[in-house]
Every structure is written in structure tokens, then in C-alpha cells.
Amino acid sequence: MKLVKEYRNSPFAHTYSIVARDPKTGEMGVGVQSHYFSVGSVVDWGASGVGVVATQSFVNKSFGLRGLELMKQGKTPEEALSILLDDDDGKNVRQVALLDAHGRVAVHTGSKCIKYAGHETGDNFSVQANMMLKDTVWPAMALAFEKNKNIPLPERILKALEAAESEGGDIRGRQSAAILIVKGEPVENEWDDPFIDLRVEDHPEPLEELSRLLKLRRAYEIMDKGDVALEKGDEDEALKAFSSAREMCPNNIEMKYWTAISLANIKRFNDALPLFKEIFTIDDNWRILTERLPDVDLLNISKEELNKILTIE
């Protein structure tokens, strides 16, 4: 009867996932996709300087925080996994993978996980899956991850997820997906952890949407670098960053807007005007916002220049 209880009280997050580390940067991550609502709120866990955990199948959510705490205390992933499973009456229906900041991995696929279920480990990673259409899913994930060593970890994880889907993935189809990335070294402020935490809660094509969100996240990173360059007085580097971000996401109106504001602030007024015109044509609320920015020192131009911007048609 204990096993039945575990079935009843455990989130039904049958899925495929990967835990992985980039030996160049030290970054660690989890990627997951499932026919389950908001899979990222259940399966993926991580802490910078410690490691990552993926807990799935009939999920024991405590494995996430407890696994991280055990590794933080100095336990290896194998030791932590053993402790987690020792007091779990539902270990036969669990699937869980742990990876630490050294790249060591430990994984368990319970004997009662719904087929097809299995896992494969490699250098700095583990892939695991259950309730799959075919038993080729996790080997395809491992191969895709190993083949893409020269791209950043989040994009590399996404390649592994896409490989799983190409083999049929979850037998029920797809619904949600997530990527979580933490740093190799502890962060100064806990609220800055994780470094990347992207979730697609419910979508007909969750991996495509996750890829779009990751690309958007990268573009905003570049915009931030442009802002830093401006603070340092490197206008050329800043404009280069802003241009690169807009090329990545050409339909993102906010990136265009803050680029225009930056251009106006660095006395590139005539370069800013076409962007303002394009933005105001799409949504006139940005014109209203522009009128308010001088009051908080975010737009430092003359009254005549401000009026010229505000009267663009």
C-alpha cells in the first residue's frame, strides 16, 4: 500500500531531461520537456557552486532541495543519491539525476518507471527519460549533447532536448519545457541564483517557444552589455551591442526604444529620430513615456530636441 500512496501524492511529471556542466565556464544546467503542465516548477533544481538536480517520473520534489543541500555539505552525487533513496518508500517509481560542481553525476531509474525508461551518463552530463515512445530517446540526447561541445551550455542543452523530440519524446506528446542554468562558483547574493531560469508552462510547441525565449534572453544580455559600455564612455561598443541585439530580435519594440533613447543621450539625435518614428507608429504610449523621462534624468536633451521627438508623425 505504501507504493500506491506514493503514486497518489507524487506529481505526475513523466518526462525526459538532462543535467549537464560546461567544463570551460563551470556553468551547470537542467533541461526538461514533458506532457505535463509547468514541468519546470517540479523537475529542475540548482544552486551555483553546488550542483543541479532533475527529479521526475512520480516526482519526489524533496529530492531537489535535499539533494542540493547534501552536495553543499560535501556529499558526492552518488552519496547524496543513496541517502535520498534510502528513506523513500517510492524509490521504484522515481527517476532522479544529480550533478555537482566537479561534473560528477549520479542517476537512478526505478524499476517501476513506465517504459520506455532509462538513462545514460557521460563526461559532465546525464540524460534520463521515462514514459517515452521509444527506447532511443535518451541515447539520442546523449549523442546530441556530445556532438555540440562548441556552443554555450544552454543552447547545447536545447540541442539534447530537440534530439529527444526527434525520436518521439514523451509518448503523450508535449506541453511544457524549461531550462535552468547556475554558475560554477557560489554567487554573492542568493537572489541572483539561478543565472537563467526559463519556463514554458503550456504551449503546443514548447521547445520552439523555449528556444525563442532563450534567444530573447541572449539579446537582453547583449543590451545590458551595451548599457555597461555606455557607462564606461565606449559609445561605439555600446551601439554595436544595441545593433546586434536588435538584429537578433528585430520585432522587439523595447530594444528599439532604449536604443533610440541612448542615441539621443549621446548626441546622435538624427540617428534616433527614425527609430522614435517607427516606435510611435506602432504604439503611441511610448511617446507619452518619452515625455516623462527627462524628469528622472533618463533622457538628457534640450527642450527643443524633446519637442521634435514628441511631435514626430
Protein backbone atom coordinates (compact mmCIF):
# COMPACT_ATOMS: atom_id res chain seq x y z
CA MET A 1 0.00 0.00 0.00
CA LYS A 2 2.93 2.37 0.51
CA LEU A 3 3.70 2.29 -3.21
CA VAL A 4 0.08 3.20 -4.03
CA LYS A 5 0.35 6.15 -1.66
CA GLU A 6 3.44 7.39 -3.48
CA TYR A 7 1.62 7.21 -6.79
CA ARG A 8 -1.25 9.27 -5.42
CA ASN A 9 0.76 12.02 -3.76
CA SER A 10 3.51 12.49 -6.34
CA PRO A 11 3.34 14.95 -9.25
CA PHE A 12 2.88 13.01 -12.47
CA ALA A 13 5.87 14.59 -14.27
CA HIS A 14 6.89 11.83 -16.66
CA THR A 15 9.45 13.36 -18.92
CA TYR A 16 12.91 13.49 -20.43
CA SER A 17 15.66 15.67 -19.04
CA ILE A 18 19.38 16.39 -18.99
CA VAL A 19 21.70 17.57 -16.21
CA ALA A 20 24.97 18.92 -17.53
CA ARG A 21 28.06 21.00 -16.84
CA ASP A 22 30.25 23.10 -19.14
CA PRO A 23 33.88 22.38 -18.12
CA LYS A 24 35.03 25.66 -19.73
CA THR A 25 32.75 28.01 -17.79
CA GLY A 26 31.76 25.81 -14.86
CA GLU A 27 28.10 26.52 -15.57
CA MET A 28 25.65 23.73 -14.73
CA GLY A 29 22.15 23.25 -16.01
CA VAL A 30 18.98 21.24 -16.31
CA GLY A 31 16.82 20.99 -19.42
CA VAL A 32 13.44 19.26 -19.45
CA GLN A 33 10.35 18.75 -21.62
CA SER A 34 7.14 16.90 -20.78
CA HIS A 35 3.44 16.50 -21.44
CA TYR A 36 2.84 17.99 -18.01
CA PHE A 37 1.82 21.50 -17.02
CA SER A 38 4.66 23.69 -15.72
CA VAL A 39 7.29 20.95 -15.66
CA GLY A 40 9.99 23.44 -14.72
CA SER A 41 8.32 24.11 -11.37
CA VAL A 42 8.67 20.44 -10.43
CA VAL A 43 11.67 18.79 -12.10
CA ASP A 44 14.63 21.19 -12.23
CA TRP A 45 16.62 22.45 -9.24
CA GLY A 46 20.02 24.13 -8.97
CA ALA A 47 22.38 26.18 -6.84
CA SER A 48 25.51 27.98 -8.04
CA GLY A 49 28.73 26.47 -6.79
CA VAL A 50 26.86 23.33 -5.71
CA GLY A 51 25.10 21.47 -8.49
CA VAL A 52 21.82 20.65 -10.19
CA VAL A 53 19.09 18.03 -9.75
CA ALA A 54 16.38 16.65 -12.03
CA THR A 55 13.65 14.74 -10.17
CA GLN A 56 10.94 13.16 -12.32
CA SER A 57 8.61 10.22 -13.09
CA PHE A 58 6.37 10.08 -9.97
CA VAL A 59 8.21 13.04 -8.53
CA ASN A 60 9.57 13.32 -5.02
CA LYS A 61 10.02 17.10 -5.01
CA SER A 62 12.05 16.99 -1.81
CA PHE A 63 14.87 15.39 -3.80
CA GLY A 64 15.57 18.80 -5.34
CA LEU A 65 16.35 20.85 -2.24
CA ARG A 66 17.60 17.90 -0.21
CA GLY A 67 19.93 16.76 -2.98
CA LEU A 68 21.41 20.24 -3.30
CA GLU A 69 21.84 20.54 0.47
CA LEU A 70 23.61 17.18 0.68
CA MET A 71 26.03 18.16 -2.10
CA LYS A 72 26.57 21.54 -0.43
CA GLN A 73 27.59 19.63 2.70
CA GLY A 74 30.27 17.85 0.69
CA LYS A 75 28.50 14.65 -0.28
CA THR A 76 29.22 13.31 -3.76
CA PRO A 77 26.23 12.90 -6.07
CA GLU A 78 26.41 9.12 -5.51
CA GLU A 79 26.38 9.57 -1.73
CA ALA A 80 23.57 12.11 -1.91
CA LEU A 81 21.51 9.87 -4.18
CA SER A 82 21.93 6.92 -1.84
CA ILE A 83 20.71 8.97 1.12
CA LEU A 84 17.70 10.25 -0.83
CA LEU A 85 16.63 6.78 -1.91
CA ASP A 86 17.28 5.04 1.41
CA ASP A 87 14.30 6.63 3.14
CA ASP A 88 11.97 6.77 0.12
CA ASP A 89 9.22 4.15 0.00
CA GLY A 90 8.53 5.08 -3.61
CA LYS A 91 12.08 4.67 -4.96
CA ASN A 92 10.88 2.17 -7.58
CA VAL A 93 8.73 4.81 -9.29
CA ARG A 94 11.34 7.59 -9.10
CA GLN A 95 13.79 8.85 -11.65
CA VAL A 96 16.38 11.33 -10.43
CA ALA A 97 19.74 12.68 -11.57
CA LEU A 98 22.29 14.76 -9.66
CA LEU A 99 25.36 16.60 -10.94
CA ASP A 100 27.84 18.58 -8.85
CA ALA A 101 30.25 21.43 -9.49
CA HIS A 102 33.01 18.95 -10.33
CA GLY A 103 30.94 17.38 -13.10
CA ARG A 104 30.30 14.17 -11.20
CA VAL A 105 26.90 12.58 -11.83
CA ALA A 106 24.61 10.03 -10.23
CA VAL A 107 21.31 8.82 -11.65
CA HIS A 108 18.56 6.40 -10.68
CA THR A 109 15.76 4.94 -12.80
CA GLY A 110 13.33 2.98 -10.66
CA SER A 111 12.22 -0.48 -11.75
CA LYS A 112 8.58 0.65 -11.84
CA CYS A 113 9.12 3.71 -14.06
CA ILE A 114 6.79 3.45 -17.04
CA LYS A 115 8.54 2.20 -20.17
CA TYR A 116 10.30 3.14 -22.13
CA ALA A 117 12.54 4.41 -19.33
CA GLY A 118 16.29 4.63 -18.90
CA HIS A 119 19.32 6.85 -18.61
CA GLU A 120 22.83 7.34 -19.94
CA THR A 121 25.75 9.18 -18.39
CA GLY A 122 28.80 10.76 -19.97
CA ASP A 123 31.50 13.32 -19.33
CA ASN A 124 29.85 16.09 -17.29
CA PHE A 125 26.28 15.04 -18.05
CA SER A 126 23.45 12.59 -17.58
CA VAL A 127 20.31 12.14 -19.69
CA GLN A 128 17.23 10.34 -18.38
CA ALA A 129 13.74 9.65 -19.62
CA ASN A 130 10.59 7.74 -18.75
CA MET A 131 7.24 7.09 -20.44
CA MET A 132 8.92 7.57 -23.81
CA LEU A 133 7.54 6.44 -27.14
CA LYS A 134 10.81 4.65 -27.95
CA ASP A 135 13.91 3.49 -26.13
CA THR A 136 16.09 5.54 -28.50
CA VAL A 137 15.21 8.86 -26.82
CA TRP A 138 17.94 9.12 -24.18
CA PRO A 139 20.73 7.72 -26.39
CA ALA A 140 19.84 10.39 -28.97
CA MET A 141 20.03 13.05 -26.26
CA ALA A 142 23.48 11.87 -25.18
CA LEU A 143 24.75 11.87 -28.75
CA ALA A 144 23.41 15.35 -29.46
CA PHE A 145 24.97 16.76 -26.29
CA GLU A 146 28.35 15.22 -27.05
CA LYS A 147 28.29 16.44 -30.66
CA ASN A 148 27.72 20.09 -29.74
CA LYS A 149 30.68 20.81 -27.46
CA ASN A 150 31.50 24.17 -29.04
CA ILE A 151 28.27 26.01 -28.23
CA PRO A 152 27.19 27.55 -24.88
CA LEU A 153 25.64 25.23 -22.31
CA PRO A 154 22.02 26.47 -22.55
CA GLU A 155 21.97 26.08 -26.34
CA ARG A 156 23.74 22.73 -26.02
CA ILE A 157 21.09 21.50 -23.59
CA LEU A 158 18.41 22.63 -26.02
CA LYS A 159 20.05 20.51 -28.74
CA ALA A 160 19.72 17.47 -26.48
CA LEU A 161 16.03 18.19 -25.85
CA GLU A 162 15.39 18.62 -29.56
CA ALA A 163 17.09 15.28 -30.23
CA ALA A 164 14.75 13.62 -27.74
CA GLU A 165 11.75 15.06 -29.50
CA SER A 166 13.05 13.91 -32.88
CA GLU A 167 12.90 10.34 -31.52
CA GLY A 168 9.28 10.69 -30.46
CA GLY A 169 9.81 12.04 -26.94
CA ASP A 170 7.05 11.65 -24.37
CA ILE A 171 4.51 9.08 -25.58
CA ARG A 172 1.70 11.52 -24.62
CA GLY A 173 3.11 14.39 -26.68
CA ARG A 174 4.39 17.73 -25.38
CA GLN A 175 3.17 20.58 -23.23
CA SER A 176 5.86 22.36 -21.22
CA ALA A 177 9.63 22.79 -21.10
CA ALA A 178 12.30 24.54 -19.05
CA ILE A 179 16.00 25.40 -18.86
CA LEU A 180 17.74 26.31 -15.60
CA ILE A 181 21.40 27.42 -15.50
CA VAL A 182 23.56 28.12 -12.43
CA LYS A 183 27.15 29.28 -12.07
CA GLY A 184 30.10 27.07 -11.24
CA GLU A 185 31.05 29.27 -8.30
CA PRO A 186 28.77 30.41 -5.47
CA VAL A 187 27.03 33.72 -6.09
CA GLU A 188 27.35 36.57 -3.62
CA ASN A 189 23.60 37.12 -3.40
CA GLU A 190 21.20 34.17 -3.31
CA TRP A 191 18.57 36.20 -5.13
CA ASP A 192 20.84 36.27 -8.19
CA ASP A 193 20.54 32.48 -8.45
CA PRO A 194 19.79 30.86 -10.86
CA PHE A 195 21.58 32.66 -13.69
CA ILE A 196 18.99 31.57 -16.28
CA ASP A 197 15.54 30.22 -15.41
CA LEU A 198 13.26 29.96 -18.44
CA ARG A 199 9.94 28.13 -18.39
CA VAL A 200 7.29 27.39 -20.96
CA GLU A 201 4.30 26.38 -18.86
CA ASP A 202 1.83 25.35 -21.57
CA HIS A 203 2.41 25.50 -25.32
CA PRO A 204 1.71 23.34 -28.40
CA GLU A 205 5.42 23.53 -29.31
CA PRO A 206 7.25 24.07 -26.01
CA LEU A 207 10.78 23.52 -27.32
CA GLU A 208 10.32 26.04 -30.11
CA GLU A 209 8.99 28.52 -27.59
CA LEU A 210 11.84 27.76 -25.18
CA SER A 211 14.32 28.38 -28.00
CA ARG A 212 12.65 31.72 -28.74
CA LEU A 213 12.83 32.73 -25.08
CA LEU A 214 16.48 31.75 -24.84
CA LYS A 215 17.28 33.84 -27.91
CA LEU A 216 15.40 36.77 -26.39
CA ARG A 217 17.28 36.30 -23.12
CA ARG A 218 20.58 36.40 -25.02
CA ALA A 219 19.53 39.59 -26.79
CA TYR A 220 18.75 41.29 -23.50
CA GLU A 221 22.15 40.19 -22.18
CA ILE A 222 23.73 41.98 -25.14
CA MET A 223 21.62 45.08 -24.47
CA ASP A 224 22.89 45.05 -20.87
CA LYS A 225 26.47 44.91 -22.15
CA GLY A 226 25.68 47.92 -24.31
CA ASP A 227 24.45 49.83 -21.26
CA VAL A 228 27.67 48.99 -19.42
CA ALA A 229 29.72 50.17 -22.40
CA LEU A 230 27.83 53.47 -22.36
CA GLU A 231 28.56 53.92 -18.66
CA LYS A 232 32.25 53.47 -19.48
CA GLY A 233 32.05 56.01 -22.31
CA ASP A 234 32.58 53.47 -25.08
CA GLU A 235 29.85 54.67 -27.43
CA ASP A 236 30.96 52.61 -30.43
CA GLU A 237 30.90 49.37 -28.43
CA ALA A 238 27.51 50.26 -26.97
CA LEU A 239 25.96 50.96 -30.37
CA LYS A 240 27.46 47.76 -31.72
CA ALA A 241 25.81 45.81 -28.89
CA PHE A 242 22.45 47.53 -29.37
CA SER A 243 22.55 46.81 -33.10
CA SER A 244 23.42 43.16 -32.51
CA ALA A 245 20.55 42.74 -30.05
CA ARG A 246 18.06 44.29 -32.46
CA GLU A 247 19.25 42.00 -35.25
CA MET A 248 18.55 39.01 -33.02
CA CYS A 249 15.05 40.25 -32.18
CA PRO A 250 14.03 42.70 -34.91
CA ASN A 251 10.40 42.92 -33.76
CA ASN A 252 11.18 43.77 -30.15
CA ILE A 253 9.94 47.33 -29.70
CA GLU A 254 11.54 47.89 -26.30
CA MET A 255 15.03 47.19 -27.61
CA LYS A 256 14.43 49.73 -30.38
CA TYR A 257 13.12 52.25 -27.89
CA TRP A 258 16.02 52.17 -25.45
CA THR A 259 18.44 52.22 -28.35
CA ALA A 260 16.76 55.42 -29.53
CA ILE A 261 16.96 56.91 -26.04
CA SER A 262 20.66 56.04 -25.84
CA LEU A 263 21.33 57.57 -29.24
CA ALA A 264 19.62 60.80 -28.19
CA ASN A 265 21.59 60.91 -24.95
CA ILE A 266 24.95 60.58 -26.72
CA LYS A 267 24.13 63.39 -29.15
CA ARG A 268 23.28 61.06 -32.05
CA PHE A 269 19.92 62.79 -32.28
CA ASN A 270 19.36 62.41 -36.02
CA ASP A 271 20.06 58.68 -35.79
CA ALA A 272 17.47 58.35 -33.04
CA LEU A 273 14.60 60.09 -34.85
CA PRO A 274 13.78 57.29 -37.36
CA LEU A 275 13.60 54.79 -34.52
CA PHE A 276 11.28 57.01 -32.49
CA LYS A 277 9.03 57.45 -35.53
CA GLU A 278 8.82 53.70 -36.08
CA ILE A 279 8.09 53.07 -32.40
CA PHE A 280 5.42 55.76 -32.05
CA THR A 281 3.67 54.48 -35.18
CA ILE A 282 3.32 51.08 -33.53
CA ASP A 283 2.26 52.32 -30.09
CA ASP A 284 1.81 55.96 -29.08
CA ASN A 285 2.24 55.16 -25.38
CA TRP A 286 6.00 55.19 -25.97
CA ARG A 287 5.66 58.88 -26.93
CA ILE A 288 3.99 59.54 -23.58
CA LEU A 289 6.75 57.66 -21.78
CA THR A 290 9.40 59.69 -23.60
CA GLU A 291 7.86 62.93 -22.32
CA ARG A 292 8.28 61.66 -18.74
CA LEU A 293 11.91 60.53 -18.92
CA PRO A 294 13.64 63.93 -18.58
CA ASP A 295 12.05 64.33 -15.13
CA VAL A 296 14.02 61.31 -13.87
CA ASP A 297 17.23 62.10 -15.79
CA LEU A 298 16.90 59.17 -18.21
CA LEU A 299 16.69 61.48 -21.23
CA ASN A 300 19.12 64.38 -21.21
CA ILE A 301 18.35 66.55 -24.22
CA SER A 302 17.22 70.12 -24.82
CA LYS A 303 13.56 71.14 -24.73
CA GLU A 304 13.71 71.80 -28.46
CA GLU A 305 15.03 68.31 -29.15
CA LEU A 306 12.41 66.76 -26.87
CA ASN A 307 9.67 68.65 -28.66
CA LYS A 308 10.99 67.44 -32.02
CA ILE A 309 10.79 63.85 -30.83
CA LEU A 310 7.32 64.26 -29.33
CA THR A 311 5.88 65.83 -32.49
CA ILE A 312 7.14 63.17 -34.89
CA GLU A 313 4.36 61.95 -37.18
